[in-house]
Amino acid sequence: MYERYCRLRDSLGLRDADVAKGTNITKSTFSEWKQGKSLPNADKLLRISGFLNTTVEYLMTGKEPSLSDKILKNPEVLELSEELVKNSALRKLVLLEKDLSEEDIAAVRVMVAALIKKRS
């Protein structure tokens, strides 16, 4: 498990000290983990996985979460999904937008910004 953590940490250009500071976990905890003297508890695994933008499952097993798992655990995606379910006009707009070119999407954004400004 520590090896997976190290690969992920290194890929982000971080050191144990950076992760310790970002998670408020002591450097000695990482040292003990490295030496095999202990394993981080659930709370620490959650903090580490959150800081490294991964999952506890990945740290524990090396198994990458599926796209649906990532979506279901992303609060912003869940909030947007709920809004799309409730708001049929917004849902129609999103469905229409997927067929537009980048230039058309930019034009729509300009129009929406103008409408918002007009209301203010």
C-alpha atoms as a PDB file:
ATOM      1  CA  MET A   1       0.000   0.000   0.000  1.00  0.00           C
ATOM      2  CA  TYR A   2       2.800   2.428   0.827  1.00  0.00           C
ATOM      3  CA  GLU A   3       4.298   1.829  -2.623  1.00  0.00           C
ATOM      4  CA  ARG A   4       1.040   2.894  -4.323  1.00  0.00           C
ATOM      5  CA  TYR A   5       0.916   5.965  -2.141  1.00  0.00           C
ATOM      6  CA  CYS A   6       4.536   6.803  -3.062  1.00  0.00           C
ATOM      7  CA  ARG A   7       3.929   6.400  -6.806  1.00  0.00           C
ATOM      8  CA  LEU A   8       0.904   8.681  -6.604  1.00  0.00           C
ATOM      9  CA  ARG A   9       2.658  11.207  -4.364  1.00  0.00           C
ATOM     10  CA  ASP A  10       5.714  11.260  -6.637  1.00  0.00           C
ATOM     11  CA  SER A  11       3.589  11.650  -9.772  1.00  0.00           C
ATOM     12  CA  LEU A  12       2.214  14.839  -8.231  1.00  0.00           C
ATOM     13  CA  GLY A  13       5.700  16.108  -7.374  1.00  0.00           C
ATOM     14  CA  LEU A  14       5.053  15.942  -3.636  1.00  0.00           C
ATOM     15  CA  ARG A  15       7.000  14.749  -0.607  1.00  0.00           C
ATOM     16  CA  ASP A  16       5.708  13.136   2.582  1.00  0.00           C
ATOM     17  CA  ALA A  17       6.214  16.501   4.283  1.00  0.00           C
ATOM     18  CA  ASP A  18       3.860  18.145   1.750  1.00  0.00           C
ATOM     19  CA  VAL A  19       1.191  15.522   2.283  1.00  0.00           C
ATOM     20  CA  ALA A  20       1.658  15.701   6.056  1.00  0.00           C
ATOM     21  CA  LYS A  21       1.168  19.457   5.996  1.00  0.00           C
ATOM     22  CA  GLY A  22      -1.810  19.271   3.633  1.00  0.00           C
ATOM     23  CA  THR A  23      -3.577  16.574   5.631  1.00  0.00           C
ATOM     24  CA  ASN A  24      -2.540  17.610   9.138  1.00  0.00           C
ATOM     25  CA  ILE A  25      -1.023  14.173   9.698  1.00  0.00           C
ATOM     26  CA  THR A  26       2.333  14.024  11.471  1.00  0.00           C
ATOM     27  CA  LYS A  27       5.462  13.191   9.482  1.00  0.00           C
ATOM     28  CA  SER A  28       6.197  10.435  11.979  1.00  0.00           C
ATOM     29  CA  THR A  29       2.975   8.691  10.903  1.00  0.00           C
ATOM     30  CA  PHE A  30       4.309   8.518   7.353  1.00  0.00           C
ATOM     31  CA  SER A  31       7.655   7.281   8.673  1.00  0.00           C
ATOM     32  CA  GLU A  32       5.972   4.483  10.645  1.00  0.00           C
ATOM     33  CA  TRP A  33       3.849   3.607   7.619  1.00  0.00           C
ATOM     34  CA  LYS A  34       6.965   3.447   5.430  1.00  0.00           C
ATOM     35  CA  GLN A  35       8.750   1.184   7.931  1.00  0.00           C
ATOM     36  CA  GLY A  36       5.734  -1.127   8.132  1.00  0.00           C
ATOM     37  CA  LYS A  37       5.204  -0.388  11.823  1.00  0.00           C
ATOM     38  CA  SER A  38       1.639   0.789  11.276  1.00  0.00           C
ATOM     39  CA  LEU A  39      -1.073   1.465   8.736  1.00  0.00           C
ATOM     40  CA  PRO A  40      -3.071   4.685   8.589  1.00  0.00           C
ATOM     41  CA  ASN A  41      -6.536   4.481  10.122  1.00  0.00           C
ATOM     42  CA  ALA A  42      -9.694   5.183   8.108  1.00  0.00           C
ATOM     43  CA  ASP A  43      -9.718   8.887   8.952  1.00  0.00           C
ATOM     44  CA  LYS A  44      -6.124   9.338   7.813  1.00  0.00           C
ATOM     45  CA  LEU A  45      -6.724   7.328   4.643  1.00  0.00           C
ATOM     46  CA  LEU A  46      -9.667   9.597   3.845  1.00  0.00           C
ATOM     47  CA  ARG A  47      -7.563  12.712   4.370  1.00  0.00           C
ATOM     48  CA  ILE A  48      -4.687  11.338   2.297  1.00  0.00           C
ATOM     49  CA  SER A  49      -6.936  10.188  -0.547  1.00  0.00           C
ATOM     50  CA  GLY A  50      -8.735  13.539  -0.578  1.00  0.00           C
ATOM     51  CA  PHE A  51      -5.460  15.451  -0.647  1.00  0.00           C
ATOM     52  CA  LEU A  52      -4.081  13.281  -3.455  1.00  0.00           C
ATOM     53  CA  ASN A  53      -7.388  13.363  -5.342  1.00  0.00           C
ATOM     54  CA  THR A  54      -7.825   9.606  -5.331  1.00  0.00           C
ATOM     55  CA  THR A  55      -9.899   7.088  -3.421  1.00  0.00           C
ATOM     56  CA  VAL A  56      -9.253   5.045  -0.301  1.00  0.00           C
ATOM     57  CA  GLU A  57      -9.975   2.001  -2.460  1.00  0.00           C
ATOM     58  CA  TYR A  58      -7.064   2.892  -4.757  1.00  0.00           C
ATOM     59  CA  LEU A  59      -4.701   3.396  -1.830  1.00  0.00           C
ATOM     60  CA  MET A  60      -5.750   0.083  -0.295  1.00  0.00           C
ATOM     61  CA  THR A  61      -6.026  -2.136  -3.390  1.00  0.00           C
ATOM     62  CA  GLY A  62      -4.526  -0.284  -6.344  1.00  0.00           C
ATOM     63  CA  LYS A  63      -7.865  -0.667  -8.106  1.00  0.00           C
ATOM     64  CA  GLU A  64      -8.851   2.441 -10.002  1.00  0.00           C
ATOM     65  CA  PRO A  65     -12.464   3.450  -9.394  1.00  0.00           C
ATOM     66  CA  SER A  66     -14.779   3.170 -12.369  1.00  0.00           C
ATOM     67  CA  LEU A  67     -16.017   6.318 -14.061  1.00  0.00           C
ATOM     68  CA  SER A  68     -19.445   5.789 -12.499  1.00  0.00           C
ATOM     69  CA  ASP A  69     -17.853   5.541  -9.033  1.00  0.00           C
ATOM     70  CA  LYS A  70     -15.992   8.805  -9.654  1.00  0.00           C
ATOM     71  CA  ILE A  71     -19.188  10.494 -10.835  1.00  0.00           C
ATOM     72  CA  LEU A  72     -21.259   9.235  -7.920  1.00  0.00           C
ATOM     73  CA  LYS A  73     -18.683  10.454  -5.406  1.00  0.00           C
ATOM     74  CA  ASN A  74     -18.273  13.934  -6.920  1.00  0.00           C
ATOM     75  CA  PRO A  75     -20.548  16.377  -5.031  1.00  0.00           C
ATOM     76  CA  GLU A  76     -20.527  18.918  -7.864  1.00  0.00           C
ATOM     77  CA  VAL A  77     -21.627  16.299 -10.393  1.00  0.00           C
ATOM     78  CA  LEU A  78     -24.339  15.084  -8.027  1.00  0.00           C
ATOM     79  CA  GLU A  79     -25.613  18.631  -7.529  1.00  0.00           C
ATOM     80  CA  LEU A  80     -25.703  19.275 -11.280  1.00  0.00           C
ATOM     81  CA  SER A  81     -27.422  15.925 -11.874  1.00  0.00           C
ATOM     82  CA  GLU A  82     -30.134  16.785  -9.378  1.00  0.00           C
ATOM     83  CA  GLU A  83     -30.639  20.157 -11.079  1.00  0.00           C
ATOM     84  CA  LEU A  84     -30.933  18.497 -14.495  1.00  0.00           C
ATOM     85  CA  VAL A  85     -33.538  16.089 -13.165  1.00  0.00           C
ATOM     86  CA  LYS A  86     -35.599  18.933 -11.658  1.00  0.00           C
ATOM     87  CA  ASN A  87     -35.216  21.474 -14.468  1.00  0.00           C
ATOM     88  CA  SER A  88     -36.454  20.218 -17.840  1.00  0.00           C
ATOM     89  CA  ALA A  89     -35.511  23.458 -19.655  1.00  0.00           C
ATOM     90  CA  LEU A  90     -31.918  23.169 -18.456  1.00  0.00           C
ATOM     91  CA  ARG A  91     -31.865  19.484 -19.399  1.00  0.00           C
ATOM     92  CA  LYS A  92     -33.014  20.353 -22.940  1.00  0.00           C
ATOM     93  CA  LEU A  93     -30.344  23.044 -23.209  1.00  0.00           C
ATOM     94  CA  VAL A  94     -27.610  20.619 -22.162  1.00  0.00           C
ATOM     95  CA  LEU A  95     -28.830  17.990 -24.606  1.00  0.00           C
ATOM     96  CA  LEU A  96     -28.874  20.559 -27.425  1.00  0.00           C
ATOM     97  CA  GLU A  97     -25.402  21.841 -26.559  1.00  0.00           C
ATOM     98  CA  LYS A  98     -23.704  18.474 -27.027  1.00  0.00           C
ATOM     99  CA  ASP A  99     -24.287  18.759 -30.794  1.00  0.00           C
ATOM    100  CA  LEU A 100     -22.907  22.299 -31.099  1.00  0.00           C
ATOM    101  CA  SER A 101     -19.458  23.299 -32.292  1.00  0.00           C
ATOM    102  CA  GLU A 102     -17.045  25.039 -29.937  1.00  0.00           C
ATOM    103  CA  GLU A 103     -17.760  28.342 -31.723  1.00  0.00           C
ATOM    104  CA  ASP A 104     -21.517  27.894 -31.283  1.00  0.00           C
ATOM    105  CA  ILE A 105     -21.074  27.059 -27.601  1.00  0.00           C
ATOM    106  CA  ALA A 106     -18.986  30.223 -27.163  1.00  0.00           C
ATOM    107  CA  ALA A 107     -21.746  32.263 -28.844  1.00  0.00           C
ATOM    108  CA  VAL A 108     -24.383  30.725 -26.550  1.00  0.00           C
ATOM    109  CA  ARG A 109     -22.270  31.581 -23.510  1.00  0.00           C
ATOM    110  CA  VAL A 110     -22.032  35.209 -24.669  1.00  0.00           C
ATOM    111  CA  MET A 111     -25.819  35.341 -25.090  1.00  0.00           C
ATOM    112  CA  VAL A 112     -26.426  33.802 -21.661  1.00  0.00           C
ATOM    113  CA  ALA A 113     -23.992  36.245 -20.056  1.00  0.00           C
ATOM    114  CA  ALA A 114     -25.814  39.139 -21.758  1.00  0.00           C
ATOM    115  CA  LEU A 115     -29.175  37.861 -20.465  1.00  0.00           C
ATOM    116  CA  ILE A 116     -27.825  37.559 -16.937  1.00  0.00           C
ATOM    117  CA  LYS A 117     -26.371  41.066 -17.122  1.00  0.00           C
ATOM    118  CA  LYS A 118     -29.672  42.425 -18.464  1.00  0.00           C
ATOM    119  CA  ARG A 119     -31.526  41.000 -15.443  1.00  0.00           C
ATOM    120  CA  SER A 120     -29.111  42.554 -12.960  1.00  0.00           C
END
